[in-house]
């Protein structure tokens, strides 16, 4: 028993019980049907096993707003592991709260090469969700801007 406890302590001495993880998540909609998302992530920041990564995602809604496709690049770096992954996929909005998606991907690295694929089902639990009425708000703002321009003469 004493020997096992000693091995456990030696193997885990450099792993703290808790370390901070931080994320910065940025999103942009350059076009009505396109979303760009950048996640910057730091894990185990206060330990000697710190890992930093990013995930850059480009999403495009297709013709009927139920289908969308995406392309994603993930980069990971630490003292023990470095990789770059490329993934692509498609998702279908079944109804207001359910979505199904499929994805495939691979790593750029060849030591070892990683291949991945998956199918997922998502459910929205947030019952106070309201669609963003982007177009209606934009039209109202444009109308107000025109009225202001007429009033102030520019």
N, C-alpha and C. Protein backbone atom coordinates (compact mmCIF):
# COMPACT_ATOMS: atom_id res chain seq x y z
N UNK A 1 0.83 -1.20 0.00
CA UNK A 1 0.00 0.00 0.00
C UNK A 1 0.87 1.26 0.00
N UNK A 2 1.90 1.28 0.83
CA UNK A 2 2.81 2.42 0.91
C UNK A 2 3.52 2.65 -0.43
N UNK A 3 3.90 1.57 -1.10
CA UNK A 3 4.59 1.66 -2.39
C UNK A 3 3.67 2.30 -3.44
N UNK A 4 2.40 1.89 -3.49
CA UNK A 4 1.44 2.44 -4.45
C UNK A 4 1.23 3.94 -4.22
N UNK A 5 1.13 4.34 -2.95
CA UNK A 5 0.94 5.76 -2.64
C UNK A 5 2.15 6.57 -3.10
N UNK A 6 3.35 6.04 -2.90
CA UNK A 6 4.57 6.71 -3.32
C UNK A 6 4.59 6.87 -4.85
N UNK A 7 4.26 5.81 -5.59
CA UNK A 7 4.23 5.89 -7.06
C UNK A 7 3.21 6.92 -7.52
N UNK A 8 2.05 6.96 -6.89
CA UNK A 8 1.00 7.92 -7.25
C UNK A 8 1.52 9.35 -7.05
N UNK A 9 2.19 9.60 -5.91
CA UNK A 9 2.69 10.94 -5.63
C UNK A 9 3.78 11.34 -6.62
N UNK A 10 4.68 10.42 -6.96
CA UNK A 10 5.76 10.73 -7.91
C UNK A 10 5.19 11.01 -9.29
N UNK A 11 4.24 10.19 -9.75
CA UNK A 11 3.69 10.36 -11.09
C UNK A 11 2.84 11.62 -11.20
N UNK A 12 2.23 12.08 -10.12
CA UNK A 12 1.30 13.20 -10.19
C UNK A 12 1.81 14.45 -9.48
N UNK A 13 3.08 14.49 -9.11
CA UNK A 13 3.58 15.63 -8.35
C UNK A 13 3.55 16.92 -9.16
N UNK A 14 3.65 16.85 -10.46
CA UNK A 14 3.67 18.07 -11.27
C UNK A 14 2.28 18.50 -11.75
N UNK A 15 1.26 17.79 -11.36
CA UNK A 15 -0.11 18.14 -11.75
C UNK A 15 -0.83 18.76 -10.56
N UNK A 16 -1.07 20.06 -10.56
CA UNK A 16 -1.82 20.67 -9.46
C UNK A 16 -3.27 20.19 -9.46
N UNK A 17 -3.91 20.32 -8.32
CA UNK A 17 -5.30 19.87 -8.19
C UNK A 17 -6.22 20.72 -9.07
N UNK A 18 -6.00 22.02 -9.09
CA UNK A 18 -6.85 22.90 -9.90
C UNK A 18 -5.98 23.96 -10.57
N UNK A 19 -6.25 24.22 -11.83
CA UNK A 19 -5.56 25.28 -12.55
C UNK A 19 -6.60 26.06 -13.36
N UNK A 20 -6.32 27.31 -13.63
CA UNK A 20 -7.31 28.11 -14.37
C UNK A 20 -7.37 27.74 -15.85
N UNK A 21 -8.55 27.96 -16.41
CA UNK A 21 -8.78 27.82 -17.84
C UNK A 21 -9.48 29.11 -18.27
N UNK A 22 -9.02 29.70 -19.35
CA UNK A 22 -9.61 30.95 -19.83
C UNK A 22 -9.94 30.83 -21.31
N UNK A 23 -11.02 31.52 -21.70
CA UNK A 23 -11.43 31.52 -23.10
C UNK A 23 -11.82 32.93 -23.53
N UNK A 24 -11.50 33.23 -24.75
CA UNK A 24 -12.00 34.44 -25.40
C UNK A 24 -12.76 33.94 -26.62
N UNK A 25 -14.02 34.34 -26.74
CA UNK A 25 -14.86 33.87 -27.84
C UNK A 25 -15.34 35.10 -28.61
N UNK A 26 -14.99 35.15 -29.88
CA UNK A 26 -15.34 36.27 -30.74
C UNK A 26 -16.22 35.77 -31.89
N UNK A 27 -17.27 36.53 -32.22
CA UNK A 27 -18.16 36.13 -33.30
C UNK A 27 -18.49 37.33 -34.17
N UNK A 28 -18.56 37.08 -35.47
CA UNK A 28 -18.88 38.14 -36.42
C UNK A 28 -19.81 37.59 -37.49
N UNK A 29 -20.67 38.45 -38.02
CA UNK A 29 -21.57 38.09 -39.12
C UNK A 29 -21.29 39.03 -40.29
N UNK A 30 -20.26 38.74 -41.10
CA UNK A 30 -19.93 39.64 -42.21
C UNK A 30 -21.01 39.67 -43.30
N UNK A 31 -21.76 38.59 -43.43
CA UNK A 31 -22.89 38.52 -44.35
C UNK A 31 -24.06 37.91 -43.60
N UNK A 32 -25.26 38.09 -44.11
CA UNK A 32 -26.45 37.59 -43.42
C UNK A 32 -26.37 36.08 -43.17
N UNK A 33 -25.87 35.32 -44.13
CA UNK A 33 -25.85 33.86 -44.02
C UNK A 33 -24.54 33.30 -43.48
N UNK A 34 -23.57 34.15 -43.14
CA UNK A 34 -22.23 33.69 -42.77
C UNK A 34 -21.89 34.13 -41.35
N UNK A 35 -21.32 33.20 -40.59
CA UNK A 35 -20.83 33.53 -39.25
C UNK A 35 -19.37 33.09 -39.14
N UNK A 36 -18.55 33.94 -38.56
CA UNK A 36 -17.16 33.62 -38.26
C UNK A 36 -17.02 33.60 -36.74
N UNK A 37 -16.44 32.53 -36.22
CA UNK A 37 -16.25 32.41 -34.77
C UNK A 37 -14.80 32.06 -34.50
N UNK A 38 -14.20 32.75 -33.54
CA UNK A 38 -12.84 32.45 -33.11
C UNK A 38 -12.85 32.22 -31.61
N UNK A 39 -12.43 31.04 -31.18
CA UNK A 39 -12.28 30.70 -29.77
C UNK A 39 -10.79 30.62 -29.48
N UNK A 40 -10.33 31.34 -28.48
CA UNK A 40 -8.94 31.28 -28.03
C UNK A 40 -8.98 30.72 -26.61
N UNK A 41 -8.24 29.63 -26.38
CA UNK A 41 -8.39 28.87 -25.14
C UNK A 41 -7.02 28.64 -24.49
N UNK A 42 -6.96 28.86 -23.20
CA UNK A 42 -5.78 28.52 -22.41
C UNK A 42 -6.19 27.56 -21.32
N UNK A 43 -5.59 26.38 -21.28
CA UNK A 43 -5.91 25.37 -20.27
C UNK A 43 -4.68 25.13 -19.39
N UNK A 44 -4.92 24.80 -18.13
CA UNK A 44 -3.84 24.53 -17.18
C UNK A 44 -2.81 25.66 -17.17
N UNK A 45 -3.30 26.88 -17.20
CA UNK A 45 -2.44 28.05 -17.38
C UNK A 45 -1.38 28.18 -16.29
N UNK A 46 -1.73 27.89 -15.05
CA UNK A 46 -0.79 28.10 -13.94
C UNK A 46 0.10 26.90 -13.67
N UNK A 47 0.13 25.93 -14.56
CA UNK A 47 0.96 24.75 -14.33
C UNK A 47 2.03 24.65 -15.40
N UNK A 48 2.93 23.72 -15.21
CA UNK A 48 3.96 23.52 -16.23
C UNK A 48 3.42 22.74 -17.43
N UNK A 49 2.15 22.33 -17.38
CA UNK A 49 1.51 21.60 -18.47
C UNK A 49 0.50 22.48 -19.21
N UNK A 50 0.79 23.77 -19.31
CA UNK A 50 -0.12 24.71 -19.97
C UNK A 50 -0.32 24.32 -21.43
N UNK A 51 -1.56 24.48 -21.89
CA UNK A 51 -1.89 24.18 -23.28
C UNK A 51 -2.70 25.35 -23.83
N UNK A 52 -2.36 25.79 -25.02
CA UNK A 52 -3.06 26.90 -25.66
C UNK A 52 -3.59 26.42 -27.00
N UNK A 53 -4.78 26.88 -27.33
CA UNK A 53 -5.37 26.45 -28.59
C UNK A 53 -6.30 27.52 -29.13
N UNK A 54 -6.65 27.35 -30.38
CA UNK A 54 -7.65 28.21 -31.02
C UNK A 54 -8.55 27.32 -31.86
N UNK A 55 -9.76 27.78 -32.07
CA UNK A 55 -10.69 27.13 -32.98
C UNK A 55 -11.31 28.24 -33.84
N UNK A 56 -11.10 28.17 -35.13
CA UNK A 56 -11.65 29.14 -36.06
C UNK A 56 -12.71 28.43 -36.90
N UNK A 57 -13.93 28.94 -36.87
CA UNK A 57 -15.05 28.30 -37.56
C UNK A 57 -15.72 29.27 -38.53
N UNK A 58 -15.98 28.78 -39.72
CA UNK A 58 -16.73 29.52 -40.74
C UNK A 58 -18.00 28.73 -41.02
N UNK A 59 -19.15 29.35 -40.78
CA UNK A 59 -20.43 28.69 -40.95
C UNK A 59 -21.25 29.43 -42.00
N UNK A 60 -21.95 28.67 -42.84
CA UNK A 60 -22.78 29.27 -43.88
C UNK A 60 -24.15 28.61 -43.88
N UNK A 61 -25.20 29.41 -43.65
CA UNK A 61 -26.57 28.90 -43.74
C UNK A 61 -26.95 28.78 -45.20
N UNK A 62 -27.57 27.66 -45.54
CA UNK A 62 -27.95 27.43 -46.92
C UNK A 62 -29.34 27.99 -47.21
N UNK A 63 -29.87 27.67 -48.35
CA UNK A 63 -31.05 28.32 -48.92
C UNK A 63 -32.29 28.37 -48.04
N UNK A 64 -32.55 27.41 -47.16
CA UNK A 64 -33.81 27.43 -46.43
C UNK A 64 -33.66 27.68 -44.93
N UNK A 65 -32.49 28.09 -44.48
CA UNK A 65 -32.20 28.38 -43.07
C UNK A 65 -32.28 27.16 -42.15
N UNK A 66 -32.56 25.99 -42.66
CA UNK A 66 -32.53 24.78 -41.83
C UNK A 66 -31.20 24.04 -42.00
N UNK A 67 -30.60 24.18 -43.16
CA UNK A 67 -29.32 23.52 -43.46
C UNK A 67 -28.19 24.51 -43.31
N UNK A 68 -27.08 24.05 -42.76
CA UNK A 68 -25.88 24.87 -42.73
C UNK A 68 -24.65 23.97 -42.87
N UNK A 69 -23.60 24.56 -43.39
CA UNK A 69 -22.34 23.84 -43.54
C UNK A 69 -21.28 24.63 -42.78
N UNK A 70 -20.22 23.94 -42.37
CA UNK A 70 -19.16 24.64 -41.67
C UNK A 70 -17.81 24.02 -41.96
N UNK A 71 -16.80 24.86 -41.83
CA UNK A 71 -15.40 24.46 -41.97
C UNK A 71 -14.69 25.01 -40.74
N UNK A 72 -13.86 24.18 -40.13
CA UNK A 72 -13.25 24.55 -38.86
C UNK A 72 -11.78 24.16 -38.83
N UNK A 73 -10.96 25.03 -38.28
CA UNK A 73 -9.54 24.74 -38.08
C UNK A 73 -9.24 24.90 -36.60
N UNK A 74 -8.59 23.89 -36.01
CA UNK A 74 -8.21 23.94 -34.60
C UNK A 74 -6.70 23.75 -34.49
N UNK A 75 -6.07 24.63 -33.76
CA UNK A 75 -4.64 24.52 -33.49
C UNK A 75 -4.42 24.32 -32.01
N UNK A 76 -3.53 23.40 -31.66
CA UNK A 76 -3.25 23.07 -30.26
C UNK A 76 -1.74 23.11 -30.07
N UNK A 77 -1.29 23.74 -28.98
CA UNK A 77 0.14 23.75 -28.70
C UNK A 77 0.39 23.66 -27.20
N UNK A 78 1.36 22.85 -26.84
CA UNK A 78 1.85 22.74 -25.46
C UNK A 78 3.26 22.18 -25.55
N UNK A 79 3.89 22.00 -24.40
CA UNK A 79 5.24 21.42 -24.40
C UNK A 79 5.23 19.96 -24.83
N UNK A 80 4.08 19.30 -24.69
CA UNK A 80 4.01 17.86 -24.96
C UNK A 80 3.26 17.50 -26.23
N UNK A 81 2.48 18.42 -26.77
CA UNK A 81 1.64 18.08 -27.92
C UNK A 81 1.38 19.32 -28.77
N UNK A 82 1.51 19.16 -30.06
CA UNK A 82 1.18 20.21 -31.01
C UNK A 82 0.44 19.56 -32.17
N UNK A 83 -0.61 20.22 -32.64
CA UNK A 83 -1.36 19.66 -33.75
C UNK A 83 -2.20 20.75 -34.39
N UNK A 84 -2.64 20.47 -35.60
CA UNK A 84 -3.58 21.32 -36.31
C UNK A 84 -4.60 20.40 -36.96
N UNK A 85 -5.86 20.64 -36.67
CA UNK A 85 -6.94 19.79 -37.15
C UNK A 85 -7.83 20.58 -38.09
N UNK A 86 -8.31 19.92 -39.12
CA UNK A 86 -9.26 20.52 -40.06
C UNK A 86 -10.51 19.67 -40.06
N UNK A 87 -11.67 20.31 -39.85
CA UNK A 87 -12.94 19.61 -39.81
C UNK A 87 -13.96 20.31 -40.71
N UNK A 88 -14.88 19.56 -41.21
CA UNK A 88 -15.99 20.11 -41.98
C UNK A 88 -17.24 19.34 -41.65
N UNK A 89 -18.36 19.98 -41.87
CA UNK A 89 -19.59 19.27 -41.54
C UNK A 89 -20.83 19.96 -42.04
N UNK A 90 -21.94 19.32 -41.74
CA UNK A 90 -23.25 19.81 -42.14
C UNK A 90 -24.20 19.63 -40.96
N UNK A 91 -25.14 20.57 -40.81
CA UNK A 91 -26.14 20.42 -39.76
C UNK A 91 -27.51 20.78 -40.30
N UNK A 92 -28.51 20.15 -39.69
CA UNK A 92 -29.90 20.35 -40.10
C UNK A 92 -30.73 20.65 -38.86
N UNK A 93 -31.45 21.75 -38.90
CA UNK A 93 -32.33 22.15 -37.81
C UNK A 93 -33.67 21.44 -37.98
N UNK A 94 -33.91 20.44 -37.15
CA UNK A 94 -35.13 19.63 -37.25
C UNK A 94 -36.35 20.47 -36.90
N UNK A 95 -36.30 21.15 -35.78
CA UNK A 95 -37.33 22.10 -35.40
C UNK A 95 -36.67 23.20 -34.57
N UNK A 96 -37.44 24.00 -33.88
CA UNK A 96 -36.89 25.14 -33.15
C UNK A 96 -35.84 24.75 -32.11
N UNK A 97 -35.93 23.54 -31.55
CA UNK A 97 -35.04 23.14 -30.46
C UNK A 97 -34.10 21.98 -30.77
N UNK A 98 -34.33 21.23 -31.85
CA UNK A 98 -33.51 20.06 -32.17
C UNK A 98 -32.67 20.30 -33.42
N UNK A 99 -31.41 19.86 -33.36
CA UNK A 99 -30.51 19.95 -34.50
C UNK A 99 -29.71 18.65 -34.58
N UNK A 100 -29.49 18.17 -35.79
CA UNK A 100 -28.64 17.01 -36.01
C UNK A 100 -27.47 17.46 -36.89
N UNK A 101 -26.29 16.93 -36.61
CA UNK A 101 -25.14 17.32 -37.41
C UNK A 101 -24.20 16.14 -37.64
N UNK A 102 -23.42 16.25 -38.71
CA UNK A 102 -22.41 15.24 -39.04
C UNK A 102 -21.12 15.98 -39.37
N UNK A 103 -19.99 15.41 -38.95
CA UNK A 103 -18.70 16.05 -39.17
C UNK A 103 -17.63 15.02 -39.51
N UNK A 104 -16.66 15.43 -40.31
CA UNK A 104 -15.48 14.61 -40.58
C UNK A 104 -14.27 15.53 -40.46
N UNK A 105 -13.12 14.93 -40.18
CA UNK A 105 -11.93 15.75 -40.04
C UNK A 105 -10.66 14.93 -40.01
N UNK A 106 -9.55 15.63 -40.05
CA UNK A 106 -8.24 14.99 -40.00
C UNK A 106 -7.22 16.00 -39.50
N UNK A 107 -6.09 15.49 -39.06
CA UNK A 107 -5.01 16.37 -38.61
C UNK A 107 -4.03 16.60 -39.75
N UNK A 108 -3.30 17.70 -39.67
CA UNK A 108 -2.25 17.98 -40.65
C UNK A 108 -1.00 17.19 -40.31
N UNK A 109 -0.85 16.91 -39.04
CA UNK A 109 0.34 16.26 -38.55
C UNK A 109 0.37 14.79 -38.97
N UNK A 110 1.56 14.26 -39.17
CA UNK A 110 1.66 12.85 -39.59
C UNK A 110 2.29 11.97 -38.50
N UNK A 111 2.48 12.52 -37.31
CA UNK A 111 3.10 11.74 -36.23
C UNK A 111 2.24 11.78 -34.98
N UNK A 112 1.18 11.15 -34.81
CA UNK A 112 0.45 10.36 -35.79
C UNK A 112 -0.60 11.21 -36.49
N UNK A 113 -1.12 10.69 -37.59
CA UNK A 113 -2.24 11.32 -38.28
C UNK A 113 -3.51 10.91 -37.56
N UNK A 114 -4.39 11.88 -37.36
CA UNK A 114 -5.67 11.59 -36.70
C UNK A 114 -6.80 11.79 -37.70
N UNK A 115 -7.73 10.87 -37.73
CA UNK A 115 -8.94 10.99 -38.52
C UNK A 115 -10.11 10.93 -37.56
N UNK A 116 -11.15 11.69 -37.85
CA UNK A 116 -12.30 11.70 -36.95
C UNK A 116 -13.58 11.88 -37.73
N UNK A 117 -14.65 11.47 -37.13
CA UNK A 117 -15.97 11.65 -37.71
C UNK A 117 -16.98 11.53 -36.60
N UNK A 118 -18.13 12.10 -36.80
CA UNK A 118 -19.14 12.00 -35.77
C UNK A 118 -20.50 12.46 -36.24
N UNK A 119 -21.49 12.03 -35.51
CA UNK A 119 -22.87 12.45 -35.71
C UNK A 119 -23.38 12.89 -34.35
N UNK A 120 -24.07 14.01 -34.32
CA UNK A 120 -24.55 14.53 -33.04
C UNK A 120 -25.98 15.03 -33.13
N UNK A 121 -26.61 15.08 -31.98
CA UNK A 121 -27.96 15.61 -31.84
C UNK A 121 -27.92 16.64 -30.72
N UNK A 122 -28.42 17.82 -30.98
CA UNK A 122 -28.42 18.89 -29.98
C UNK A 122 -29.84 19.28 -29.65
N UNK A 123 -30.03 19.64 -28.38
CA UNK A 123 -31.32 20.13 -27.92
C UNK A 123 -31.10 21.43 -27.16
N UNK A 124 -31.91 22.44 -27.45
CA UNK A 124 -31.81 23.73 -26.77
C UNK A 124 -32.69 23.70 -25.52
N UNK A 125 -32.09 23.87 -24.35
CA UNK A 125 -32.82 23.86 -23.09
C UNK A 125 -33.31 25.23 -22.67
N UNK A 126 -32.74 26.26 -23.24
CA UNK A 126 -33.05 27.62 -22.82
C UNK A 126 -34.44 28.00 -23.31
N UNK A 127 -35.41 28.12 -22.41
CA UNK A 127 -36.80 28.36 -22.81
C UNK A 127 -37.12 29.82 -23.07
N UNK A 128 -36.21 30.73 -22.77
CA UNK A 128 -36.47 32.15 -23.00
C UNK A 128 -35.81 32.65 -24.28
N UNK A 129 -35.36 31.75 -25.11
CA UNK A 129 -34.69 32.11 -26.36
C UNK A 129 -35.67 32.82 -27.29
N UNK A 130 -35.21 33.91 -27.89
CA UNK A 130 -36.01 34.61 -28.88
C UNK A 130 -35.13 34.84 -30.10
N UNK A 131 -35.67 34.62 -31.26
CA UNK A 131 -34.92 34.86 -32.50
C UNK A 131 -34.50 36.32 -32.57
N UNK A 132 -33.33 36.54 -33.06
CA UNK A 132 -32.85 37.90 -33.27
C UNK A 132 -33.51 38.42 -34.53
N UNK A 133 -34.21 39.48 -34.39
CA UNK A 133 -34.92 40.05 -35.53
C UNK A 133 -34.02 41.09 -36.18
N UNK A 134 -32.93 40.60 -36.73
CA UNK A 134 -31.89 41.47 -37.28
C UNK A 134 -32.42 42.37 -38.39
N UNK A 135 -33.10 41.78 -39.34
CA UNK A 135 -33.58 42.58 -40.48
C UNK A 135 -34.58 43.63 -40.05
N UNK A 136 -35.52 43.27 -39.17
CA UNK A 136 -36.52 44.24 -38.72
C UNK A 136 -35.86 45.39 -37.96
N UNK A 137 -34.90 45.08 -37.11
CA UNK A 137 -34.20 46.12 -36.36
C UNK A 137 -33.38 47.00 -37.29
N UNK A 138 -32.76 46.39 -38.29
CA UNK A 138 -31.94 47.16 -39.24
C UNK A 138 -32.83 48.10 -40.06
N UNK A 139 -33.98 47.62 -40.51
CA UNK A 139 -34.89 48.48 -41.27
C UNK A 139 -35.37 49.65 -40.43
N UNK A 140 -35.72 49.38 -39.17
CA UNK A 140 -36.19 50.45 -38.28
C UNK A 140 -35.07 51.47 -38.05
N UNK A 141 -33.84 51.00 -37.87
CA UNK A 141 -32.71 51.90 -37.65
C UNK A 141 -32.44 52.73 -38.92
N UNK A 142 -32.49 52.09 -40.09
CA UNK A 142 -32.28 52.81 -41.34
C UNK A 142 -33.35 53.88 -41.56
N UNK A 143 -34.59 53.53 -41.22
CA UNK A 143 -35.70 54.49 -41.36
C UNK A 143 -35.46 55.69 -40.44
N UNK A 144 -35.05 55.41 -39.21
CA UNK A 144 -34.78 56.49 -38.25
C UNK A 144 -33.62 57.36 -38.72
N UNK A 145 -32.60 56.74 -39.29
CA UNK A 145 -31.45 57.50 -39.81
C UNK A 145 -31.87 58.42 -40.94
N UNK A 146 -32.74 57.93 -41.83
CA UNK A 146 -33.22 58.76 -42.95
C UNK A 146 -34.03 59.95 -42.42
N UNK A 147 -34.89 59.69 -41.42
CA UNK A 147 -35.68 60.77 -40.83
C UNK A 147 -34.78 61.79 -40.16
N UNK A 148 -33.77 61.33 -39.45
CA UNK A 148 -32.83 62.25 -38.80
C UNK A 148 -32.07 63.06 -39.84
N UNK A 149 -31.68 62.42 -40.94
CA UNK A 149 -30.95 63.12 -41.99
C UNK A 149 -31.81 64.22 -42.61
N UNK A 150 -33.11 63.95 -42.78
CA UNK A 150 -34.00 64.96 -43.34
C UNK A 150 -34.18 66.14 -42.38
N UNK A 151 -34.28 65.81 -41.09
CA UNK A 151 -34.48 66.86 -40.10
C UNK A 151 -33.25 67.76 -40.01
N UNK A 152 -32.07 67.16 -40.00
CA UNK A 152 -30.85 67.92 -39.82
C UNK A 152 -30.20 68.34 -41.15
N UNK A 153 -30.80 67.96 -42.28
CA UNK A 153 -30.36 68.44 -43.59
C UNK A 153 -29.10 67.82 -44.14
N UNK A 154 -28.82 66.56 -43.83
CA UNK A 154 -27.68 65.90 -44.48
C UNK A 154 -28.04 64.54 -44.98
